[in-house]
Amino acid sequence: MATLICGSLAFDTIMNFEGKFAEQILPDQLHILNVSFLVPTLRRDFGGCAGNIAYALKLLGGTPLPMATLGNDGAGYLQRLRDMGIATDYVRQIEETYTAQALIMTDRDNNQITAFHPGAMMQAHVMQVKSHPDIQLGIISPDGRDAMLQHAEQFKVADIPFVFDPGQGLPMFDGAELARFIDLASWVTVNDYEGKMLSDRTGWSHADISRKVKGLIVTLGAEGSEVWVDGEKTLVPPVKALAVVDPTGCGDAYRGALLFGLEQGWPLARCAALGNQLGSLKIAQRGPQNYVVDLTTLGL
């Protein structure tokens, strides 16, 4: 059983500013803002929601199939996926543009300033979801707007149950569009902030949403996660991390665990418990794809 993971492949450039943004930005001068930050440390990681989720699912023993677009600078990412044993049949390179890139600067108080260049991601709609006997599960994570809309409809036509994971792409859609995603999906997963926005825009409470799908999962960071099924909420307790180093990619690690559990036919609460475990492992390592797992420790 394979899982089709629709979303972005991106490069994350992470920079650390040793001071505080608040000390460099004058509130009464925001209308003429002109600042420069010295960042003595910089690293580049493989990222993007589809890549991060596929990485997590592969570590757990699942079969991820990322569906995404890379730019003319994406050969290294393509090779990385293949080296990990992740099939690239649904990954396409767009030669006239760059791979999506996130430039993230973090200050001493863990405040972040991010610039995101979508690049090839905006052409993700050229890829189409089609019925295949090996693909029995899917997820729509943040991607180009057109791709997210079209892939949801295509999953439905192909009769492939999928998880709707709008993430940071949620603000692109109005209430009617989000309601349509929910109607098409089998499961919905959001963090607590996204969950509030989803409810505000659709006019549906978490309980309402959970009655329209097989389940709604709301991640709460260090507080664990909520599983909503048929209007009833179950709180799944958190797993304490050994260290809090870098939150980048924690949500994607969680979603990889969720998909693994769904592949196994587990109840949602058990899927969420594994998600909490994987999130706690990821946050203790820098970068979204640098952690490792011990399947025995995870009980797998």
C-alpha atoms as a PDB file:
ATOM      1  CA  MET A   1       0.000   0.000   0.000  1.00  0.00           C
ATOM      2  CA  ALA A   2       1.432   3.365  -1.037  1.00  0.00           C
ATOM      3  CA  THR A   3       0.489   6.880   0.034  1.00  0.00           C
ATOM      4  CA  LEU A   4       0.474   9.734  -2.482  1.00  0.00           C
ATOM      5  CA  ILE A   5       1.823  12.864  -0.806  1.00  0.00           C
ATOM      6  CA  CYS A   6       0.815  16.048  -2.614  1.00  0.00           C
ATOM      7  CA  GLY A   7       2.775  19.080  -1.449  1.00  0.00           C
ATOM      8  CA  SER A   8       5.963  21.064  -1.803  1.00  0.00           C
ATOM      9  CA  LEU A   9       9.601  20.138  -2.132  1.00  0.00           C
ATOM     10  CA  ALA A  10      11.732  23.049  -1.001  1.00  0.00           C
ATOM     11  CA  PHE A  11      15.123  24.145   0.252  1.00  0.00           C
ATOM     12  CA  ASP A  12      15.163  25.715   3.718  1.00  0.00           C
ATOM     13  CA  THR A  13      17.908  28.254   4.344  1.00  0.00           C
ATOM     14  CA  ILE A  14      18.167  28.770   8.108  1.00  0.00           C
ATOM     15  CA  MET A  15      19.981  31.787   9.569  1.00  0.00           C
ATOM     16  CA  ASN A  16      20.516  32.744  13.204  1.00  0.00           C
ATOM     17  CA  PHE A  17      20.632  36.354  14.377  1.00  0.00           C
ATOM     18  CA  GLU A  18      22.338  36.552  17.751  1.00  0.00           C
ATOM     19  CA  GLY A  19      20.433  39.634  18.891  1.00  0.00           C
ATOM     20  CA  LYS A  20      16.740  40.479  19.148  1.00  0.00           C
ATOM     21  CA  PHE A  21      14.695  41.798  16.263  1.00  0.00           C
ATOM     22  CA  ALA A  22      12.908  44.130  18.686  1.00  0.00           C
ATOM     23  CA  GLU A  23      16.203  45.860  19.453  1.00  0.00           C
ATOM     24  CA  GLN A  24      16.856  46.594  15.781  1.00  0.00           C
ATOM     25  CA  ILE A  25      13.374  47.621  14.623  1.00  0.00           C
ATOM     26  CA  LEU A  26      12.010  51.009  15.681  1.00  0.00           C
ATOM     27  CA  PRO A  27       8.210  50.705  16.014  1.00  0.00           C
ATOM     28  CA  ASP A  28       7.601  54.356  15.124  1.00  0.00           C
ATOM     29  CA  GLN A  29       9.705  54.027  11.970  1.00  0.00           C
ATOM     30  CA  LEU A  30       8.047  50.983  10.394  1.00  0.00           C
ATOM     31  CA  HIS A  31       6.831  53.087   7.478  1.00  0.00           C
ATOM     32  CA  ILE A  32      10.458  53.603   6.400  1.00  0.00           C
ATOM     33  CA  LEU A  33      11.856  50.262   7.560  1.00  0.00           C
ATOM     34  CA  ASN A  34      15.435  49.650   6.413  1.00  0.00           C
ATOM     35  CA  VAL A  35      17.354  47.165   8.551  1.00  0.00           C
ATOM     36  CA  SER A  36      20.160  44.672   8.138  1.00  0.00           C
ATOM     37  CA  PHE A  37      20.881  41.663  10.375  1.00  0.00           C
ATOM     38  CA  LEU A  38      24.276  39.996  10.706  1.00  0.00           C
ATOM     39  CA  VAL A  39      23.745  36.215  10.653  1.00  0.00           C
ATOM     40  CA  PRO A  40      26.998  34.422  11.532  1.00  0.00           C
ATOM     41  CA  THR A  41      25.515  30.936  11.100  1.00  0.00           C
ATOM     42  CA  LEU A  42      23.696  29.632   8.047  1.00  0.00           C
ATOM     43  CA  ARG A  43      22.696  26.181   6.879  1.00  0.00           C
ATOM     44  CA  ARG A  44      20.647  24.766   4.030  1.00  0.00           C
ATOM     45  CA  ASP A  45      18.281  21.862   4.583  1.00  0.00           C
ATOM     46  CA  PHE A  46      16.078  19.727   2.400  1.00  0.00           C
ATOM     47  CA  GLY A  47      12.495  20.663   3.238  1.00  0.00           C
ATOM     48  CA  GLY A  48       8.995  21.247   1.903  1.00  0.00           C
ATOM     49  CA  CYS A  49       5.929  19.515   3.279  1.00  0.00           C
ATOM     50  CA  ALA A  50       5.878  16.643   0.772  1.00  0.00           C
ATOM     51  CA  GLY A  51       9.565  15.921   1.320  1.00  0.00           C
ATOM     52  CA  ASN A  52       9.340  16.122   5.100  1.00  0.00           C
ATOM     53  CA  ILE A  53       6.230  13.938   5.306  1.00  0.00           C
ATOM     54  CA  ALA A  54       7.719  11.390   2.900  1.00  0.00           C
ATOM     55  CA  TYR A  55      10.914  11.284   5.003  1.00  0.00           C
ATOM     56  CA  ALA A  56       8.942  10.550   8.180  1.00  0.00           C
ATOM     57  CA  LEU A  57       6.735   7.930   6.559  1.00  0.00           C
ATOM     58  CA  LYS A  58       9.748   6.169   5.027  1.00  0.00           C
ATOM     59  CA  LEU A  59      11.569   6.058   8.397  1.00  0.00           C
ATOM     60  CA  LEU A  60       8.552   4.307   9.891  1.00  0.00           C
ATOM     61  CA  GLY A  61       8.469   1.691   7.141  1.00  0.00           C
ATOM     62  CA  GLY A  62       5.682   3.151   5.030  1.00  0.00           C
ATOM     63  CA  THR A  63       5.625   3.648   1.275  1.00  0.00           C
ATOM     64  CA  PRO A  64       5.545   7.352   0.386  1.00  0.00           C
ATOM     65  CA  LEU A  65       5.031   8.634  -3.145  1.00  0.00           C
ATOM     66  CA  PRO A  66       5.660  12.400  -3.172  1.00  0.00           C
ATOM     67  CA  MET A  67       3.829  14.298  -5.907  1.00  0.00           C
ATOM     68  CA  ALA A  68       5.632  17.600  -6.310  1.00  0.00           C
ATOM     69  CA  THR A  69       7.648  19.834  -8.598  1.00  0.00           C
ATOM     70  CA  LEU A  70      11.312  20.820  -8.437  1.00  0.00           C
ATOM     71  CA  GLY A  71      13.098  23.588 -10.294  1.00  0.00           C
ATOM     72  CA  ASN A  72      16.247  23.505 -12.420  1.00  0.00           C
ATOM     73  CA  ASP A  73      18.321  23.429  -9.221  1.00  0.00           C
ATOM     74  CA  GLY A  74      16.539  20.360  -7.857  1.00  0.00           C
ATOM     75  CA  ALA A  75      18.762  17.521  -9.114  1.00  0.00           C
ATOM     76  CA  GLY A  76      20.344  17.077  -5.678  1.00  0.00           C
ATOM     77  CA  TYR A  77      16.942  16.763  -4.001  1.00  0.00           C
ATOM     78  CA  LEU A  78      15.798  14.264  -6.601  1.00  0.00           C
ATOM     79  CA  GLN A  79      18.883  12.139  -5.963  1.00  0.00           C
ATOM     80  CA  ARG A  80      18.393  12.388  -2.192  1.00  0.00           C
ATOM     81  CA  LEU A  81      14.890  10.970  -2.473  1.00  0.00           C
ATOM     82  CA  ARG A  82      16.153   8.096  -4.596  1.00  0.00           C
ATOM     83  CA  ASP A  83      19.037   7.418  -2.184  1.00  0.00           C
ATOM     84  CA  MET A  84      16.460   7.075   0.619  1.00  0.00           C
ATOM     85  CA  GLY A  85      14.487   4.576  -1.437  1.00  0.00           C
ATOM     86  CA  ILE A  86      11.614   6.992  -2.046  1.00  0.00           C
ATOM     87  CA  ALA A  87      10.115   6.635  -5.514  1.00  0.00           C
ATOM     88  CA  THR A  88      10.202   9.780  -7.661  1.00  0.00           C
ATOM     89  CA  ASP A  89       7.689   8.714 -10.331  1.00  0.00           C
ATOM     90  CA  TYR A  90       5.443  11.654  -9.396  1.00  0.00           C
ATOM     91  CA  VAL A  91       8.175  14.289  -9.057  1.00  0.00           C
ATOM     92  CA  ARG A  92       8.721  16.580 -12.032  1.00  0.00           C
ATOM     93  CA  GLN A  93      11.432  19.141 -12.679  1.00  0.00           C
ATOM     94  CA  ILE A  94      10.380  22.489 -14.164  1.00  0.00           C
ATOM     95  CA  GLU A  95      13.426  23.795 -16.000  1.00  0.00           C
ATOM     96  CA  GLU A  96      12.483  27.462 -16.304  1.00  0.00           C
ATOM     97  CA  THR A  97      12.264  28.157 -12.573  1.00  0.00           C
ATOM     98  CA  TYR A  98      13.934  27.492  -9.224  1.00  0.00           C
ATOM     99  CA  THR A  99      12.861  25.009  -6.572  1.00  0.00           C
ATOM    100  CA  ALA A 100      10.687  26.541  -3.840  1.00  0.00           C
ATOM    101  CA  GLN A 101      12.832  28.112  -1.123  1.00  0.00           C
ATOM    102  CA  ALA A 102      12.189  29.318   2.407  1.00  0.00           C
ATOM    103  CA  LEU A 103      14.644  31.818   3.899  1.00  0.00           C
ATOM    104  CA  ILE A 104      14.190  31.722   7.668  1.00  0.00           C
ATOM    105  CA  MET A 105      15.933  34.027  10.136  1.00  0.00           C
ATOM    106  CA  THR A 106      15.585  33.369  13.861  1.00  0.00           C
ATOM    107  CA  ASP A 107      16.587  35.752  16.652  1.00  0.00           C
ATOM    108  CA  ARG A 108      17.718  35.029  20.222  1.00  0.00           C
ATOM    109  CA  ASP A 109      14.097  34.868  21.453  1.00  0.00           C
ATOM    110  CA  ASN A 110      13.138  32.354  18.732  1.00  0.00           C
ATOM    111  CA  ASN A 111      11.156  34.987  16.817  1.00  0.00           C
ATOM    112  CA  GLN A 112      11.290  34.298  13.092  1.00  0.00           C
ATOM    113  CA  ILE A 113      11.221  36.307   9.876  1.00  0.00           C
ATOM    114  CA  THR A 114      10.577  34.161   6.798  1.00  0.00           C
ATOM    115  CA  ALA A 115      10.653  34.906   3.088  1.00  0.00           C
ATOM    116  CA  PHE A 116       9.216  32.199   0.815  1.00  0.00           C
ATOM    117  CA  HIS A 117       9.777  31.923  -2.917  1.00  0.00           C
ATOM    118  CA  PRO A 118       7.306  29.383  -4.370  1.00  0.00           C
ATOM    119  CA  GLY A 119       9.169  28.819  -7.631  1.00  0.00           C
ATOM    120  CA  ALA A 120       8.348  25.471  -9.237  1.00  0.00           C
ATOM    121  CA  MET A 121       5.670  24.825  -6.618  1.00  0.00           C
ATOM    122  CA  MET A 122       3.345  27.149  -8.527  1.00  0.00           C
ATOM    123  CA  GLN A 123       3.382  24.631 -11.395  1.00  0.00           C
ATOM    124  CA  ALA A 124       2.412  21.669  -9.197  1.00  0.00           C
ATOM    125  CA  HIS A 125      -1.016  21.520 -10.848  1.00  0.00           C
ATOM    126  CA  VAL A 126       0.611  20.013 -13.968  1.00  0.00           C
ATOM    127  CA  MET A 127       0.757  16.766 -11.963  1.00  0.00           C
ATOM    128  CA  GLN A 128      -2.516  14.846 -11.828  1.00  0.00           C
ATOM    129  CA  VAL A 129      -3.836  12.350  -9.288  1.00  0.00           C
ATOM    130  CA  LYS A 130      -5.041   9.223 -11.034  1.00  0.00           C
ATOM    131  CA  SER A 131      -6.361   5.901  -9.839  1.00  0.00           C
ATOM    132  CA  HIS A 132      -3.661   3.262  -9.319  1.00  0.00           C
ATOM    133  CA  PRO A 133      -4.030  -0.134  -7.616  1.00  0.00           C
ATOM    134  CA  ASP A 134      -1.001   0.496  -5.368  1.00  0.00           C
ATOM    135  CA  ILE A 135      -2.201   3.919  -4.149  1.00  0.00           C
ATOM    136  CA  GLN A 136      -4.840   3.558  -1.458  1.00  0.00           C
ATOM    137  CA  LEU A 137      -4.254   6.710   0.595  1.00  0.00           C
ATOM    138  CA  GLY A 138      -3.292  10.321  -0.002  1.00  0.00           C
ATOM    139  CA  ILE A 139      -2.670  13.687   1.609  1.00  0.00           C
ATOM    140  CA  ILE A 140      -2.966  17.248   0.379  1.00  0.00           C
ATOM    141  CA  SER A 141      -0.459  19.404   2.220  1.00  0.00           C
ATOM    142  CA  PRO A 142       0.544  23.026   1.438  1.00  0.00           C
ATOM    143  CA  ASP A 143       1.291  23.462  -2.254  1.00  0.00           C
ATOM    144  CA  GLY A 144       0.364  25.759  -5.126  1.00  0.00           C
ATOM    145  CA  ARG A 145      -3.213  26.988  -4.799  1.00  0.00           C
ATOM    146  CA  ASP A 146      -4.383  25.499  -8.103  1.00  0.00           C
ATOM    147  CA  ALA A 147      -2.700  22.197  -7.315  1.00  0.00           C
ATOM    148  CA  MET A 148      -4.426  21.876  -3.946  1.00  0.00           C
ATOM    149  CA  LEU A 149      -7.843  22.594  -5.427  1.00  0.00           C
ATOM    150  CA  GLN A 150      -7.411  20.279  -8.398  1.00  0.00           C
ATOM    151  CA  HIS A 151      -5.766  17.414  -6.518  1.00  0.00           C
ATOM    152  CA  ALA A 152      -8.626  17.304  -4.005  1.00  0.00           C
ATOM    153  CA  GLU A 153     -11.149  16.857  -6.802  1.00  0.00           C
ATOM    154  CA  GLN A 154      -8.910  14.298  -8.511  1.00  0.00           C
ATOM    155  CA  PHE A 155      -8.536  12.236  -5.329  1.00  0.00           C
ATOM    156  CA  LYS A 156     -12.321  12.061  -5.112  1.00  0.00           C
ATOM    157  CA  VAL A 157     -12.713  11.006  -8.746  1.00  0.00           C
ATOM    158  CA  ALA A 158      -9.985   8.368  -8.292  1.00  0.00           C
ATOM    159  CA  ASP A 159     -11.773   7.096  -5.145  1.00  0.00           C
ATOM    160  CA  ILE A 160      -8.631   7.527  -3.030  1.00  0.00           C
ATOM    161  CA  PRO A 161      -9.327   8.603   0.587  1.00  0.00           C
ATOM    162  CA  PHE A 162      -7.111  11.508   1.613  1.00  0.00           C
ATOM    163  CA  VAL A 163      -6.084  13.743   4.488  1.00  0.00           C
ATOM    164  CA  PHE A 164      -6.623  17.478   4.056  1.00  0.00           C
ATOM    165  CA  ASP A 165      -3.668  19.249   5.676  1.00  0.00           C
ATOM    166  CA  PRO A 166      -3.936  22.941   4.668  1.00  0.00           C
ATOM    167  CA  GLY A 167      -1.118  24.164   6.937  1.00  0.00           C
ATOM    168  CA  GLN A 168       0.274  27.569   6.042  1.00  0.00           C
ATOM    169  CA  GLY A 169      -1.676  27.410   2.783  1.00  0.00           C
ATOM    170  CA  LEU A 170      -4.991  27.768   4.607  1.00  0.00           C
ATOM    171  CA  PRO A 171      -5.231  31.599   4.253  1.00  0.00           C
ATOM    172  CA  MET A 172      -5.311  31.215   0.444  1.00  0.00           C
ATOM    173  CA  PHE A 173      -8.842  29.808   0.588  1.00  0.00           C
ATOM    174  CA  ASP A 174     -12.192  31.292   1.522  1.00  0.00           C
ATOM    175  CA  GLY A 175     -14.877  29.573   3.549  1.00  0.00           C
ATOM    176  CA  ALA A 176     -16.627  27.968   0.584  1.00  0.00           C
ATOM    177  CA  GLU A 177     -13.380  26.525  -0.773  1.00  0.00           C
ATOM    178  CA  LEU A 178     -12.377  25.153   2.610  1.00  0.00           C
ATOM    179  CA  ALA A 179     -15.822  23.616   3.031  1.00  0.00           C
ATOM    180  CA  ARG A 180     -15.375  21.888  -0.328  1.00  0.00           C
ATOM    181  CA  PHE A 181     -12.009  20.461   0.749  1.00  0.00           C
ATOM    182  CA  ILE A 182     -13.647  19.075   3.898  1.00  0.00           C
ATOM    183  CA  ASP A 183     -16.510  17.580   1.910  1.00  0.00           C
ATOM    184  CA  LEU A 184     -14.024  15.781  -0.357  1.00  0.00           C
ATOM    185  CA  ALA A 185     -11.586  14.639   2.353  1.00  0.00           C
ATOM    186  CA  SER A 186     -11.717  11.619   4.633  1.00  0.00           C
ATOM    187  CA  TRP A 187      -9.657  13.229   7.415  1.00  0.00           C
ATOM    188  CA  VAL A 188      -8.586  16.786   8.296  1.00  0.00           C
ATOM    189  CA  THR A 189      -5.495  17.767  10.275  1.00  0.00           C
ATOM    190  CA  VAL A 190      -4.520  21.256  11.472  1.00  0.00           C
ATOM    191  CA  ASN A 191      -2.607  22.864  14.305  1.00  0.00           C
ATOM    192  CA  ASP A 192      -4.538  24.815  16.935  1.00  0.00           C
ATOM    193  CA  TYR A 193      -4.128  28.189  15.189  1.00  0.00           C
ATOM    194  CA  GLU A 194      -5.120  26.770  11.809  1.00  0.00           C
ATOM    195  CA  GLY A 195      -8.044  25.016  13.463  1.00  0.00           C
ATOM    196  CA  LYS A 196      -9.398  28.331  14.743  1.00  0.00           C
ATOM    197  CA  MET A 197      -9.032  29.902  11.304  1.00  0.00           C
ATOM    198  CA  LEU A 198     -10.689  26.906   9.648  1.00  0.00           C
ATOM    199  CA  SER A 199     -13.660  27.193  11.996  1.00  0.00           C
ATOM    200  CA  ASP A 200     -13.874  30.969  11.538  1.00  0.00           C
ATOM    201  CA  ARG A 201     -13.910  30.726   7.751  1.00  0.00           C
ATOM    202  CA  THR A 202     -16.292  27.787   7.405  1.00  0.00           C
ATOM    203  CA  GLY A 203     -18.548  28.659  10.341  1.00  0.00           C
ATOM    204  CA  TRP A 204     -18.163  25.052  11.535  1.00  0.00           C
ATOM    205  CA  SER A 205     -16.931  24.078  14.995  1.00  0.00           C
ATOM    206  CA  HIS A 206     -14.391  21.301  15.467  1.00  0.00           C
ATOM    207  CA  ALA A 207     -17.264  19.019  16.405  1.00  0.00           C
ATOM    208  CA  ASP A 208     -19.120  19.995  13.221  1.00  0.00           C
ATOM    209  CA  ILE A 209     -16.090  19.316  11.034  1.00  0.00           C
ATOM    210  CA  SER A 210     -15.484  15.935  12.666  1.00  0.00           C
ATOM    211  CA  ARG A 211     -19.007  14.848  11.737  1.00  0.00           C
ATOM    212  CA  LYS A 212     -18.334  15.565   8.053  1.00  0.00           C
ATOM    213  CA  VAL A 213     -15.184  13.389   7.867  1.00  0.00           C
ATOM    214  CA  LYS A 214     -13.840  10.242   9.510  1.00  0.00           C
ATOM    215  CA  GLY A 215     -11.865  12.357  11.935  1.00  0.00           C
ATOM    216  CA  LEU A 216     -10.321  15.749  12.699  1.00  0.00           C
ATOM    217  CA  ILE A 217      -6.847  15.927  14.266  1.00  0.00           C
ATOM    218  CA  VAL A 218      -5.695  19.146  15.958  1.00  0.00           C
ATOM    219  CA  THR A 219      -2.064  19.312  17.043  1.00  0.00           C
ATOM    220  CA  LEU A 220      -1.269  21.358  20.143  1.00  0.00           C
ATOM    221  CA  GLY A 221       2.522  21.382  20.161  1.00  0.00           C
ATOM    222  CA  ALA A 222       3.884  20.607  23.620  1.00  0.00           C
ATOM    223  CA  GLU A 223       0.310  19.983  24.847  1.00  0.00           C
ATOM    224  CA  GLY A 224      -0.194  16.897  22.663  1.00  0.00           C
ATOM    225  CA  SER A 225      -3.069  16.663  20.216  1.00  0.00           C
ATOM    226  CA  GLU A 226      -6.835  16.381  19.971  1.00  0.00           C
ATOM    227  CA  VAL A 227      -8.676  13.720  18.021  1.00  0.00           C
ATOM    228  CA  TRP A 228     -12.253  14.539  17.085  1.00  0.00           C
ATOM    229  CA  VAL A 229     -14.537  11.741  15.846  1.00  0.00           C
ATOM    230  CA  ASP A 230     -18.293  12.133  15.408  1.00  0.00           C
ATOM    231  CA  GLY A 231     -18.304  15.281  17.503  1.00  0.00           C
ATOM    232  CA  GLU A 232     -16.415  13.742  20.439  1.00  0.00           C
ATOM    233  CA  LYS A 233     -12.951  14.946  21.478  1.00  0.00           C
ATOM    234  CA  THR A 234     -10.138  12.767  22.813  1.00  0.00           C
ATOM    235  CA  LEU A 235      -6.981  14.423  24.155  1.00  0.00           C
ATOM    236  CA  VAL A 236      -3.852  12.436  23.288  1.00  0.00           C
ATOM    237  CA  PRO A 237      -1.106  13.344  25.792  1.00  0.00           C
ATOM    238  CA  PRO A 238       2.228  14.776  24.653  1.00  0.00           C
ATOM    239  CA  VAL A 239       5.605  13.050  24.648  1.00  0.00           C
ATOM    240  CA  LYS A 240       8.293  15.125  26.360  1.00  0.00           C
ATOM    241  CA  ALA A 241      11.212  15.902  24.062  1.00  0.00           C
ATOM    242  CA  LEU A 242      14.766  15.273  25.203  1.00  0.00           C
ATOM    243  CA  ALA A 243      15.625  18.767  23.973  1.00  0.00           C
ATOM    244  CA  VAL A 244      13.886  21.641  22.201  1.00  0.00           C
ATOM    245  CA  VAL A 245      16.268  22.543  19.397  1.00  0.00           C
ATOM    246  CA  ASP A 246      14.334  23.294  16.192  1.00  0.00           C
ATOM    247  CA  PRO A 247      10.564  23.124  15.604  1.00  0.00           C
ATOM    248  CA  THR A 248      10.915  23.271  11.795  1.00  0.00           C
ATOM    249  CA  GLY A 249       9.211  20.202  10.327  1.00  0.00           C
ATOM    250  CA  CYS A 250       7.616  18.906  13.533  1.00  0.00           C
ATOM    251  CA  GLY A 251       4.131  19.106  12.054  1.00  0.00           C
ATOM    252  CA  ASP A 252       5.264  17.204   8.968  1.00  0.00           C
ATOM    253  CA  ALA A 253       6.858  14.482  11.105  1.00  0.00           C
ATOM    254  CA  TYR A 254       3.530  14.167  12.918  1.00  0.00           C
ATOM    255  CA  ARG A 255       1.686  13.847   9.615  1.00  0.00           C
ATOM    256  CA  GLY A 256       4.050  11.156   8.404  1.00  0.00           C
ATOM    257  CA  ALA A 257       3.208   9.184  11.544  1.00  0.00           C
ATOM    258  CA  LEU A 258      -0.505   9.823  11.008  1.00  0.00           C
ATOM    259  CA  LEU A 259      -0.281   8.422   7.486  1.00  0.00           C
ATOM    260  CA  PHE A 260       1.655   5.378   8.686  1.00  0.00           C
ATOM    261  CA  GLY A 261      -1.045   4.627  11.218  1.00  0.00           C
ATOM    262  CA  LEU A 262      -3.774   5.060   8.626  1.00  0.00           C
ATOM    263  CA  GLU A 263      -1.885   2.692   6.300  1.00  0.00           C
ATOM    264  CA  GLN A 264      -1.978   0.137   9.118  1.00  0.00           C
ATOM    265  CA  GLY A 265      -5.675   0.668   9.765  1.00  0.00           C
ATOM    266  CA  TRP A 266      -5.128   1.988  13.302  1.00  0.00           C
ATOM    267  CA  PRO A 267      -7.722   4.034  15.193  1.00  0.00           C
ATOM    268  CA  LEU A 268      -7.009   7.774  15.051  1.00  0.00           C
ATOM    269  CA  ALA A 269      -5.986   8.062  18.704  1.00  0.00           C
ATOM    270  CA  ARG A 270      -3.190   5.538  18.160  1.00  0.00           C
ATOM    271  CA  CYS A 271      -2.097   7.403  15.006  1.00  0.00           C
ATOM    272  CA  ALA A 272      -1.999  10.631  17.024  1.00  0.00           C
ATOM    273  CA  ALA A 273       0.054   9.015  19.789  1.00  0.00           C
ATOM    274  CA  LEU A 274       2.694   7.985  17.246  1.00  0.00           C
ATOM    275  CA  GLY A 275       2.553  11.494  15.812  1.00  0.00           C
ATOM    276  CA  ASN A 276       3.309  12.941  19.235  1.00  0.00           C
ATOM    277  CA  GLN A 277       6.273  10.573  19.568  1.00  0.00           C
ATOM    278  CA  LEU A 278       7.736  11.485  16.203  1.00  0.00           C
ATOM    279  CA  GLY A 279       7.247  15.195  16.772  1.00  0.00           C
ATOM    280  CA  SER A 280       9.192  14.984  20.029  1.00  0.00           C
ATOM    281  CA  LEU A 281      12.052  13.209  18.243  1.00  0.00           C
ATOM    282  CA  LYS A 282      12.176  15.772  15.458  1.00  0.00           C
ATOM    283  CA  ILE A 283      12.202  18.862  17.667  1.00  0.00           C
ATOM    284  CA  ALA A 284      15.395  17.636  19.333  1.00  0.00           C
ATOM    285  CA  GLN A 285      17.297  17.803  16.015  1.00  0.00           C
ATOM    286  CA  ARG A 286      18.073  20.672  13.661  1.00  0.00           C
ATOM    287  CA  GLY A 287      16.438  20.614  10.251  1.00  0.00           C
ATOM    288  CA  PRO A 288      13.268  18.867   9.120  1.00  0.00           C
ATOM    289  CA  GLN A 289      14.933  15.729   7.721  1.00  0.00           C
ATOM    290  CA  ASN A 290      17.883  14.968   9.999  1.00  0.00           C
ATOM    291  CA  TYR A 291      16.342  12.920  12.810  1.00  0.00           C
ATOM    292  CA  VAL A 292      16.359   9.146  13.078  1.00  0.00           C
ATOM    293  CA  VAL A 293      13.964   6.707  14.719  1.00  0.00           C
ATOM    294  CA  ASP A 294      14.306   3.459  16.619  1.00  0.00           C
ATOM    295  CA  LEU A 295      11.306   1.384  15.581  1.00  0.00           C
ATOM    296  CA  THR A 296      11.639  -0.842  18.647  1.00  0.00           C
ATOM    297  CA  THR A 297      11.462   2.158  20.970  1.00  0.00           C
ATOM    298  CA  LEU A 298       8.378   3.333  19.103  1.00  0.00           C
ATOM    299  CA  GLY A 299       6.789  -0.076  19.560  1.00  0.00           C
ATOM    300  CA  LEU A 300       6.761  -0.905  15.856  1.00  0.00           C
END
